[in-house]
C-alpha atoms as a PDB file:
ATOM      1  CA  MET A   1     -12.556   0.046  18.748  1.00  0.00           C
ATOM      2  CA  THR A   2      -8.880  -0.897  18.311  1.00  0.00           C
ATOM      3  CA  ARG A   3      -6.566   0.710  20.881  1.00  0.00           C
ATOM      4  CA  ARG A   4      -3.754   2.681  19.248  1.00  0.00           C
ATOM      5  CA  VAL A   5      -0.290   2.091  20.582  1.00  0.00           C
ATOM      6  CA  PRO A   6       1.470   5.397  21.000  1.00  0.00           C
ATOM      7  CA  LYS A   7       4.522   5.904  18.821  1.00  0.00           C
ATOM      8  CA  ASN A   8       7.890   5.809  20.461  1.00  0.00           C
ATOM      9  CA  PRO A   9       9.550   9.183  19.669  1.00  0.00           C
ATOM     10  CA  HIS A  10      12.966   7.811  20.557  1.00  0.00           C
ATOM     11  CA  LEU A  11      12.936   4.837  18.180  1.00  0.00           C
ATOM     12  CA  LYS A  12      14.309   7.015  15.461  1.00  0.00           C
ATOM     13  CA  THR A  13      17.071   8.217  17.724  1.00  0.00           C
ATOM     14  CA  LEU A  14      18.047   4.670  18.445  1.00  0.00           C
ATOM     15  CA  GLU A  15      18.053   3.795  14.718  1.00  0.00           C
ATOM     16  CA  GLN A  16      20.252   6.780  14.057  1.00  0.00           C
ATOM     17  CA  ALA A  17      22.702   5.640  16.762  1.00  0.00           C
ATOM     18  CA  LEU A  18      22.799   2.192  15.157  1.00  0.00           C
ATOM     19  CA  ALA A  19      23.401   3.772  11.745  1.00  0.00           C
ATOM     20  CA  ALA A  20      26.344   5.821  13.057  1.00  0.00           C
ATOM     21  CA  ARG A  21      27.910   2.938  14.942  1.00  0.00           C
ATOM     22  CA  PHE A  22      27.175  -0.035  12.681  1.00  0.00           C
ATOM     23  CA  GLY A  23      26.258   1.493   9.302  1.00  0.00           C
ATOM     24  CA  TRP A  24      22.737   0.108   9.187  1.00  0.00           C
ATOM     25  CA  GLN A  25      20.125   1.823   7.089  1.00  0.00           C
ATOM     26  CA  PRO A  26      17.474   3.397   9.421  1.00  0.00           C
ATOM     27  CA  GLY A  27      14.266   1.496   8.926  1.00  0.00           C
ATOM     28  CA  ALA A  28      15.881  -1.609   7.364  1.00  0.00           C
ATOM     29  CA  LEU A  29      15.477  -3.623  10.581  1.00  0.00           C
ATOM     30  CA  ARG A  30      12.579  -1.711  12.131  1.00  0.00           C
ATOM     31  CA  GLU A  31      10.307  -4.658  12.992  1.00  0.00           C
ATOM     32  CA  THR A  32      13.229  -6.555  14.598  1.00  0.00           C
ATOM     33  CA  ILE A  33      14.300  -3.453  16.478  1.00  0.00           C
ATOM     34  CA  GLN A  34      10.800  -2.758  17.773  1.00  0.00           C
ATOM     35  CA  ALA A  35      10.475  -6.308  19.045  1.00  0.00           C
ATOM     36  CA  ALA A  36      13.921  -6.174  20.672  1.00  0.00           C
ATOM     37  CA  VAL A  37      13.184  -2.839  22.313  1.00  0.00           C
ATOM     38  CA  ALA A  38      10.035  -4.289  23.851  1.00  0.00           C
ATOM     39  CA  SER A  39      11.900  -7.346  25.076  1.00  0.00           C
ATOM     40  CA  LYS A  40      14.880  -5.464  26.502  1.00  0.00           C
ATOM     41  CA  ALA A  41      12.750  -2.808  28.171  1.00  0.00           C
ATOM     42  CA  ASP A  42      10.627  -5.510  29.840  1.00  0.00           C
ATOM     43  CA  ARG A  43      13.685  -7.358  31.062  1.00  0.00           C
ATOM     44  CA  LEU A  44      15.196  -4.195  32.529  1.00  0.00           C
ATOM     45  CA  GLY A  45      11.924  -2.915  34.010  1.00  0.00           C
ATOM     46  CA  LEU A  46      11.875   0.183  31.826  1.00  0.00           C
ATOM     47  CA  ASP A  47       9.342   1.685  29.516  1.00  0.00           C
ATOM     48  CA  GLU A  48      10.258   1.556  25.813  1.00  0.00           C
ATOM     49  CA  VAL A  49      10.926   5.290  25.522  1.00  0.00           C
ATOM     50  CA  SER A  50      13.399   5.224  28.431  1.00  0.00           C
ATOM     51  CA  TYR A  51      15.124   2.169  27.049  1.00  0.00           C
ATOM     52  CA  CYS A  52      15.616   3.711  23.593  1.00  0.00           C
ATOM     53  CA  ARG A  53      17.031   6.858  25.142  1.00  0.00           C
ATOM     54  CA  MET A  54      19.372   4.870  27.362  1.00  0.00           C
ATOM     55  CA  ALA A  55      20.554   2.492  24.584  1.00  0.00           C
ATOM     56  CA  ALA A  56      21.251   5.333  22.161  1.00  0.00           C
ATOM     57  CA  ALA A  57      23.412   7.094  24.784  1.00  0.00           C
ATOM     58  CA  SER A  58      25.291   4.061  26.101  1.00  0.00           C
ATOM     59  CA  SER A  59      28.065   2.543  24.015  1.00  0.00           C
ATOM     60  CA  GLY A  60      27.908  -0.749  25.842  1.00  0.00           C
ATOM     61  CA  GLU A  61      24.156  -1.130  25.741  1.00  0.00           C
ATOM     62  CA  LEU A  62      24.070  -0.062  22.075  1.00  0.00           C
ATOM     63  CA  HIS A  63      26.470  -2.838  21.178  1.00  0.00           C
ATOM     64  CA  ALA A  64      24.559  -5.383  23.274  1.00  0.00           C
ATOM     65  CA  PHE A  65      21.324  -4.330  21.585  1.00  0.00           C
ATOM     66  CA  ALA A  66      22.935  -4.553  18.095  1.00  0.00           C
ATOM     67  CA  GLU A  67      23.953  -8.119  18.804  1.00  0.00           C
ATOM     68  CA  GLU A  68      20.295  -8.970  19.445  1.00  0.00           C
ATOM     69  CA  VAL A  69      18.960  -7.398  16.239  1.00  0.00           C
ATOM     70  CA  ALA A  70      21.814  -8.033  13.772  1.00  0.00           C
ATOM     71  CA  PRO A  71      20.606 -10.099  10.794  1.00  0.00           C
ATOM     72  CA  VAL A  72      21.446 -13.728  11.145  1.00  0.00           C
ATOM     73  CA  GLU A  73      20.676 -16.403   8.568  1.00  0.00           C
ATOM     74  CA  SER A  74      22.993 -19.287   8.083  1.00  0.00           C
ATOM     75  CA  ARG A  75      22.591 -22.673   6.492  1.00  0.00           C
ATOM     76  CA  PHE A  76      25.053 -25.105   5.027  1.00  0.00           C
ATOM     77  CA  PHE A  77      25.368 -24.435   1.237  1.00  0.00           C
ATOM     78  CA  ARG A  78      22.672 -21.807   1.573  1.00  0.00           C
ATOM     79  CA  ALA A  79      23.302 -20.528  -2.010  1.00  0.00           C
ATOM     80  CA  PRO A  80      23.775 -23.754  -4.062  1.00  0.00           C
ATOM     81  CA  GLU A  81      24.568 -21.931  -7.292  1.00  0.00           C
ATOM     82  CA  GLN A  82      27.201 -19.877  -5.597  1.00  0.00           C
ATOM     83  CA  PHE A  83      28.941 -22.903  -4.130  1.00  0.00           C
ATOM     84  CA  GLU A  84      28.757 -24.797  -7.389  1.00  0.00           C
ATOM     85  CA  ALA A  85      30.491 -21.878  -9.080  1.00  0.00           C
ATOM     86  CA  ILE A  86      33.131 -21.757  -6.355  1.00  0.00           C
ATOM     87  CA  ARG A  87      33.726 -25.483  -6.659  1.00  0.00           C
ATOM     88  CA  ASP A  88      33.758 -25.704 -10.463  1.00  0.00           C
ATOM     89  CA  ARG A  89      35.277 -22.384 -11.552  1.00  0.00           C
ATOM     90  CA  VAL A  90      36.548 -20.064  -8.794  1.00  0.00           C
ATOM     91  CA  LEU A  91      38.686 -22.462  -6.796  1.00  0.00           C
ATOM     92  CA  PRO A  92      40.324 -24.147  -9.819  1.00  0.00           C
ATOM     93  CA  ASP A  93      41.161 -20.680 -11.174  1.00  0.00           C
ATOM     94  CA  LEU A  94      42.616 -19.498  -7.897  1.00  0.00           C
ATOM     95  CA  ALA A  95      44.577 -22.713  -7.423  1.00  0.00           C
ATOM     96  CA  ALA A  96      46.183 -22.274 -10.852  1.00  0.00           C
ATOM     97  CA  ALA A  97      46.930 -18.605 -10.199  1.00  0.00           C
ATOM     98  CA  ARG A  98      48.469 -19.269  -6.797  1.00  0.00           C
ATOM     99  CA  ALA A  99      50.263 -22.517  -7.669  1.00  0.00           C
ATOM    100  CA  ASP A 100      53.685 -20.906  -7.149  1.00  0.00           C
ATOM    101  CA  VAL A 101      53.031 -19.776  -3.574  1.00  0.00           C
ATOM    102  CA  ARG A 102      50.547 -22.488  -2.609  1.00  0.00           C
ATOM    103  CA  ARG A 103      48.643 -20.200  -0.291  1.00  0.00           C
ATOM    104  CA  LEU A 104      44.962 -19.224  -0.358  1.00  0.00           C
ATOM    105  CA  ARG A 105      43.072 -16.882   1.939  1.00  0.00           C
ATOM    106  CA  PHE A 106      39.263 -16.648   2.188  1.00  0.00           C
ATOM    107  CA  TRP A 107      36.947 -14.458   4.200  1.00  0.00           C
ATOM    108  CA  CYS A 108      33.311 -14.983   5.159  1.00  0.00           C
ATOM    109  CA  THR A 109      32.207 -11.492   6.257  1.00  0.00           C
ATOM    110  CA  ALA A 110      28.920 -12.445   7.988  1.00  0.00           C
ATOM    111  CA  ALA A 111      29.622 -15.950   9.279  1.00  0.00           C
ATOM    112  CA  ALA A 112      26.713 -16.205  11.793  1.00  0.00           C
ATOM    113  CA  THR A 113      26.995 -19.682  13.357  1.00  0.00           C
ATOM    114  CA  GLY A 114      29.611 -20.894  10.923  1.00  0.00           C
ATOM    115  CA  GLU A 115      27.689 -22.883   8.291  1.00  0.00           C
ATOM    116  CA  GLU A 116      28.916 -20.807   5.334  1.00  0.00           C
ATOM    117  CA  ALA A 117      32.581 -20.863   6.393  1.00  0.00           C
ATOM    118  CA  PHE A 118      32.535 -24.633   7.020  1.00  0.00           C
ATOM    119  CA  SER A 119      30.733 -25.236   3.710  1.00  0.00           C
ATOM    120  CA  LEU A 120      33.606 -23.390   2.024  1.00  0.00           C
ATOM    121  CA  ALA A 121      36.172 -25.404   4.005  1.00  0.00           C
ATOM    122  CA  MET A 122      34.566 -28.672   2.836  1.00  0.00           C
ATOM    123  CA  VAL A 123      34.545 -27.528  -0.782  1.00  0.00           C
ATOM    124  CA  VAL A 124      38.174 -26.491  -0.615  1.00  0.00           C
ATOM    125  CA  ARG A 125      39.151 -29.935   0.709  1.00  0.00           C
ATOM    126  CA  GLU A 126      37.208 -31.588  -2.098  1.00  0.00           C
ATOM    127  CA  VAL A 127      38.653 -29.453  -4.923  1.00  0.00           C
ATOM    128  CA  LEU A 128      42.202 -28.657  -3.964  1.00  0.00           C
ATOM    129  CA  SER A 129      44.539 -31.418  -5.041  1.00  0.00           C
ATOM    130  CA  GLY A 130      47.330 -32.125  -2.560  1.00  0.00           C
ATOM    131  CA  ILE A 131      45.794 -29.815  -0.003  1.00  0.00           C
ATOM    132  CA  GLU A 132      48.392 -30.872   2.562  1.00  0.00           C
ATOM    133  CA  GLU A 133      50.930 -28.969   0.470  1.00  0.00           C
ATOM    134  CA  TRP A 134      48.908 -25.782   0.615  1.00  0.00           C
ATOM    135  CA  ARG A 135      48.461 -23.167   3.328  1.00  0.00           C
ATOM    136  CA  VAL A 136      44.701 -22.503   3.377  1.00  0.00           C
ATOM    137  CA  GLU A 137      43.297 -19.841   5.731  1.00  0.00           C
ATOM    138  CA  ILE A 138      39.616 -19.163   6.137  1.00  0.00           C
ATOM    139  CA  PHE A 139      38.705 -16.109   8.234  1.00  0.00           C
ATOM    140  CA  ALA A 140      35.110 -15.738   9.400  1.00  0.00           C
ATOM    141  CA  SER A 141      33.629 -12.713  11.184  1.00  0.00           C
ATOM    142  CA  ASP A 142      30.316 -11.739  12.669  1.00  0.00           C
ATOM    143  CA  LEU A 143      28.930  -9.023  14.902  1.00  0.00           C
ATOM    144  CA  ARG A 144      27.239 -11.461  17.300  1.00  0.00           C
ATOM    145  CA  GLY A 145      29.532 -12.833  19.986  1.00  0.00           C
ATOM    146  CA  GLN A 146      27.170 -15.715  20.742  1.00  0.00           C
ATOM    147  CA  SER A 147      27.145 -16.760  17.085  1.00  0.00           C
ATOM    148  CA  ILE A 148      30.926 -16.727  16.992  1.00  0.00           C
ATOM    149  CA  MET A 149      31.089 -18.921  20.093  1.00  0.00           C
ATOM    150  CA  ALA A 150      28.636 -21.395  18.602  1.00  0.00           C
ATOM    151  CA  ALA A 151      30.489 -21.437  15.310  1.00  0.00           C
ATOM    152  CA  SER A 152      33.838 -22.115  16.963  1.00  0.00           C
ATOM    153  CA  ARG A 153      32.334 -25.191  18.582  1.00  0.00           C
ATOM    154  CA  GLY A 154      31.452 -26.731  15.202  1.00  0.00           C
ATOM    155  CA  ARG A 155      28.510 -28.741  16.535  1.00  0.00           C
ATOM    156  CA  TYR A 156      25.179 -28.864  14.667  1.00  0.00           C
ATOM    157  CA  ARG A 157      21.846 -30.687  14.995  1.00  0.00           C
ATOM    158  CA  ALA A 158      20.885 -33.262  12.393  1.00  0.00           C
ATOM    159  CA  THR A 159      18.251 -30.966  10.939  1.00  0.00           C
ATOM    160  CA  ALA A 160      20.991 -28.433  10.010  1.00  0.00           C
ATOM    161  CA  LEU A 161      22.777 -31.001   7.864  1.00  0.00           C
ATOM    162  CA  ARG A 162      19.916 -31.859   5.525  1.00  0.00           C
ATOM    163  CA  ALA A 163      21.255 -29.737   2.689  1.00  0.00           C
ATOM    164  CA  ILE A 164      24.654 -31.366   2.769  1.00  0.00           C
ATOM    165  CA  ASP A 165      25.492 -34.099   0.251  1.00  0.00           C
ATOM    166  CA  PRO A 166      25.423 -37.413   2.091  1.00  0.00           C
ATOM    167  CA  THR A 167      28.987 -38.147   0.963  1.00  0.00           C
ATOM    168  CA  LEU A 168      30.249 -34.922   2.463  1.00  0.00           C
ATOM    169  CA  ARG A 169      28.169 -35.397   5.600  1.00  0.00           C
ATOM    170  CA  ASN A 170      29.624 -38.851   6.213  1.00  0.00           C
ATOM    171  CA  ARG A 171      33.123 -37.671   5.437  1.00  0.00           C
ATOM    172  CA  TYR A 172      33.260 -34.524   7.565  1.00  0.00           C
ATOM    173  CA  PHE A 173      30.875 -35.057  10.524  1.00  0.00           C
ATOM    174  CA  MET A 174      30.782 -37.336  13.512  1.00  0.00           C
ATOM    175  CA  GLY A 175      27.676 -38.110  15.526  1.00  0.00           C
ATOM    176  CA  VAL A 176      27.951 -37.277  19.222  1.00  0.00           C
ATOM    177  CA  ASP A 177      24.538 -38.285  20.625  1.00  0.00           C
ATOM    178  CA  GLU A 178      22.098 -41.138  20.365  1.00  0.00           C
ATOM    179  CA  PRO A 179      20.244 -41.449  17.040  1.00  0.00           C
ATOM    180  CA  GLY A 180      17.069 -39.400  16.781  1.00  0.00           C
ATOM    181  CA  PRO A 181      15.611 -36.145  15.417  1.00  0.00           C
ATOM    182  CA  ASP A 182      17.729 -34.048  17.799  1.00  0.00           C
ATOM    183  CA  ARG A 183      20.973 -35.886  17.256  1.00  0.00           C
ATOM    184  CA  GLU A 184      24.036 -33.618  17.180  1.00  0.00           C
ATOM    185  CA  PHE A 185      27.081 -33.868  14.937  1.00  0.00           C
ATOM    186  CA  ASP A 186      30.598 -32.502  15.282  1.00  0.00           C
ATOM    187  CA  LEU A 187      32.701 -31.346  12.365  1.00  0.00           C
ATOM    188  CA  ILE A 188      35.922 -33.301  12.263  1.00  0.00           C
ATOM    189  CA  PRO A 189      38.917 -31.346  13.607  1.00  0.00           C
ATOM    190  CA  LEU A 190      40.568 -31.332  10.198  1.00  0.00           C
ATOM    191  CA  VAL A 191      37.769 -29.015   8.883  1.00  0.00           C
ATOM    192  CA  ARG A 192      37.164 -27.065  12.063  1.00  0.00           C
ATOM    193  CA  ARG A 193      40.829 -26.031  12.280  1.00  0.00           C
ATOM    194  CA  MET A 194      40.718 -24.532   8.831  1.00  0.00           C
ATOM    195  CA  VAL A 195      38.490 -21.620  10.016  1.00  0.00           C
ATOM    196  CA  THR A 196      39.345 -18.806  12.376  1.00  0.00           C
ATOM    197  CA  PHE A 197      36.371 -16.965  13.849  1.00  0.00           C
ATOM    198  CA  ARG A 198      36.367 -13.416  15.215  1.00  0.00           C
ATOM    199  CA  ARG A 199      33.696 -10.967  16.360  1.00  0.00           C
ATOM    200  CA  ALA A 200      33.793  -7.786  14.297  1.00  0.00           C
ATOM    201  CA  ASN A 201      31.792  -4.705  13.503  1.00  0.00           C
ATOM    202  CA  LEU A 202      32.707  -4.089   9.830  1.00  0.00           C
ATOM    203  CA  TYR A 203      31.851  -0.415  10.091  1.00  0.00           C
ATOM    204  CA  GLU A 204      34.701   0.194  12.498  1.00  0.00           C
ATOM    205  CA  PRO A 205      37.879   1.227  10.610  1.00  0.00           C
ATOM    206  CA  HIS A 206      40.293  -0.520  13.025  1.00  0.00           C
ATOM    207  CA  VAL A 207      38.754  -3.912  12.164  1.00  0.00           C
ATOM    208  CA  TRP A 208      40.019  -3.585   8.598  1.00  0.00           C
ATOM    209  CA  ARG A 209      43.507  -2.645   9.710  1.00  0.00           C
ATOM    210  CA  GLN A 210      43.715  -5.938  11.641  1.00  0.00           C
ATOM    211  CA  LEU A 211      42.537  -8.251   8.850  1.00  0.00           C
ATOM    212  CA  PRO A 212      44.992 -11.015   7.938  1.00  0.00           C
ATOM    213  CA  GLY A 213      44.565 -10.465   4.179  1.00  0.00           C
ATOM    214  CA  PRO A 214      44.822  -9.940   1.282  1.00  0.00           C
ATOM    215  CA  TYR A 215      42.074 -12.390   0.334  1.00  0.00           C
ATOM    216  CA  ASP A 216      41.600 -14.496  -2.761  1.00  0.00           C
ATOM    217  CA  LEU A 217      37.850 -14.872  -2.204  1.00  0.00           C
ATOM    218  CA  VAL A 218      35.480 -12.842  -0.044  1.00  0.00           C
ATOM    219  CA  LEU A 219      31.902 -14.006   0.598  1.00  0.00           C
ATOM    220  CA  CYS A 220      29.673 -11.021   1.354  1.00  0.00           C
ATOM    221  CA  GLU A 221      26.223 -12.184   0.407  1.00  0.00           C
ATOM    222  CA  ASN A 222      23.130 -10.356   1.667  1.00  0.00           C
ATOM    223  CA  LEU A 223      25.065  -8.015   4.006  1.00  0.00           C
ATOM    224  CA  LEU A 224      25.282  -4.744   2.076  1.00  0.00           C
ATOM    225  CA  ILE A 225      21.496  -4.569   1.711  1.00  0.00           C
ATOM    226  CA  TYR A 226      21.251  -3.598   5.388  1.00  0.00           C
ATOM    227  CA  PHE A 227      23.651  -0.663   5.168  1.00  0.00           C
ATOM    228  CA  HIS A 228      22.925   3.001   4.406  1.00  0.00           C
ATOM    229  CA  PRO A 229      24.435   4.403   1.170  1.00  0.00           C
ATOM    230  CA  ARG A 230      27.465   6.010   2.780  1.00  0.00           C
ATOM    231  CA  ALA A 231      28.293   2.829   4.661  1.00  0.00           C
ATOM    232  CA  VAL A 232      27.960   0.802   1.476  1.00  0.00           C
ATOM    233  CA  ASP A 233      30.462   3.096  -0.224  1.00  0.00           C
ATOM    234  CA  VAL A 234      32.883   2.758   2.666  1.00  0.00           C
ATOM    235  CA  LEU A 235      32.571  -1.020   2.816  1.00  0.00           C
ATOM    236  CA  VAL A 236      32.945  -1.535  -0.949  1.00  0.00           C
ATOM    237  CA  ASP A 237      36.090   0.612  -0.943  1.00  0.00           C
ATOM    238  CA  ARG A 238      37.471  -1.420   1.949  1.00  0.00           C
ATOM    239  CA  LEU A 239      36.633  -4.694   0.215  1.00  0.00           C
ATOM    240  CA  ALA A 240      38.593  -3.513  -2.799  1.00  0.00           C
ATOM    241  CA  GLU A 241      41.568  -2.810  -0.579  1.00  0.00           C
ATOM    242  CA  VAL A 242      41.639  -6.244   1.126  1.00  0.00           C
ATOM    243  CA  LEU A 243      40.957  -8.294  -2.057  1.00  0.00           C
ATOM    244  CA  ALA A 244      44.051  -9.558  -3.836  1.00  0.00           C
ATOM    245  CA  PRO A 245      44.431  -8.698  -7.566  1.00  0.00           C
ATOM    246  CA  GLY A 246      42.593 -11.395  -9.455  1.00  0.00           C
ATOM    247  CA  GLY A 247      40.608 -12.326  -6.353  1.00  0.00           C
ATOM    248  CA  TYR A 248      36.863 -12.861  -6.263  1.00  0.00           C
ATOM    249  CA  LEU A 249      34.082 -11.092  -4.417  1.00  0.00           C
ATOM    250  CA  ALA A 250      30.671 -12.774  -4.051  1.00  0.00           C
ATOM    251  CA  VAL A 251      27.615 -10.737  -3.098  1.00  0.00           C
ATOM    252  CA  GLY A 252      23.869 -11.459  -3.314  1.00  0.00           C
ATOM    253  CA  PRO A 253      22.079 -11.095  -6.642  1.00  0.00           C
ATOM    254  CA  THR A 254      20.122  -8.096  -5.264  1.00  0.00           C
ATOM    255  CA  GLU A 255      23.402  -6.361  -4.291  1.00  0.00           C
ATOM    256  CA  VAL A 256      24.994  -6.352  -7.712  1.00  0.00           C
ATOM    257  CA  ASP A 257      24.223  -2.694  -8.401  1.00  0.00           C
ATOM    258  CA  LEU A 258      25.946  -1.735  -5.131  1.00  0.00           C
ATOM    259  CA  ILE A 259      29.361  -2.883  -6.506  1.00  0.00           C
ATOM    260  CA  SER A 260      30.069   0.086  -8.737  1.00  0.00           C
ATOM    261  CA  ARG A 261      33.843   0.514  -8.368  1.00  0.00           C
ATOM    262  CA  ALA A 262      35.896   0.219 -11.558  1.00  0.00           C
ATOM    263  CA  VAL A 263      38.341  -2.059  -9.738  1.00  0.00           C
ATOM    264  CA  PHE A 264      35.650  -4.755  -9.703  1.00  0.00           C
ATOM    265  CA  ARG A 265      34.823  -6.616 -12.911  1.00  0.00           C
ATOM    266  CA  PRO A 266      31.537  -8.557 -13.022  1.00  0.00           C
ATOM    267  CA  VAL A 267      32.202 -12.176 -14.028  1.00  0.00           C
ATOM    268  CA  GLU A 268      29.550 -12.773 -16.682  1.00  0.00           C
ATOM    269  CA  SER A 269      30.280 -16.494 -16.900  1.00  0.00           C
ATOM    270  CA  LEU A 270      29.381 -17.025 -13.240  1.00  0.00           C
ATOM    271  CA  PRO A 271      26.022 -16.550 -11.436  1.00  0.00           C
ATOM    272  CA  ALA A 272      24.966 -12.990 -10.694  1.00  0.00           C
ATOM    273  CA  GLY A 273      26.879 -11.544  -7.740  1.00  0.00           C
ATOM    274  CA  PHE A 274      30.446 -12.637  -8.636  1.00  0.00           C
ATOM    275  CA  PHE A 275      33.057  -9.968  -9.259  1.00  0.00           C
ATOM    276  CA  GLN A 276      36.798 -10.189  -9.821  1.00  0.00           C
ATOM    277  CA  ARG A 277      39.311  -7.602  -8.756  1.00  0.00           C
ATOM    278  CA  ARG A 278      41.120  -6.258 -11.787  1.00  0.00           C
ATOM    279  CA  THR A 279      44.882  -7.001 -11.904  1.00  0.00           C
ATOM    280  CA  GLU A 280      45.921  -3.771 -13.681  1.00  0.00           C
END
């Protein structure tokens, strides 16, 4: 007979605390949360019920716990169609629209360990003619402090570079160890300096007041799906406020229906998930 594991009555309390602090939909990360509770409780010598009660009541522990369970998936050029559209349509359009000021600002909202932001930086360098005459700023944020530290370093194992075109890989990376399956590569400083990383909880209002926008392109793919409806409404409104008129917002194909504000116009000629902020 299979032994039944008793339910943790305080797991829901912890999920509600995470929803209030970070905007996450209760239940959306349940399996990850359950595994993290077991791990944290074991490390602290507590039972799981006591840990949930403590984490829900402690601001510091709640944030530390959130960093362990926050979604993190990052690969270079993870969404090929998205980056092809950025390269062939979005960047040329923005460059033409901003030719008089020669300044472009971009934001990767869930940067993880930096692959998305650096993919964008490489594409910008490939597309933007006379880039030395432009001021290009790429801002990248993530909830996880450890991810931000790793991203700032700009060092990746050879296996992480497999999806990068060999021409780009040879142009923008330098090997730092002996050849082999675990060889590491550094991004060249010219690319690394294009990106500024910062830890941020996007559900906190003060974060948005400190953003160095407005932005010409915001990458927000597969982030909104983890938020509860009220948090989605808040974040979409804030995205509209920080996006420059004529600027682009890119979300995941499954998140298209979450972008319901009239200020956003879906761009039918681009892959699903691209919106443009109306200029009127």
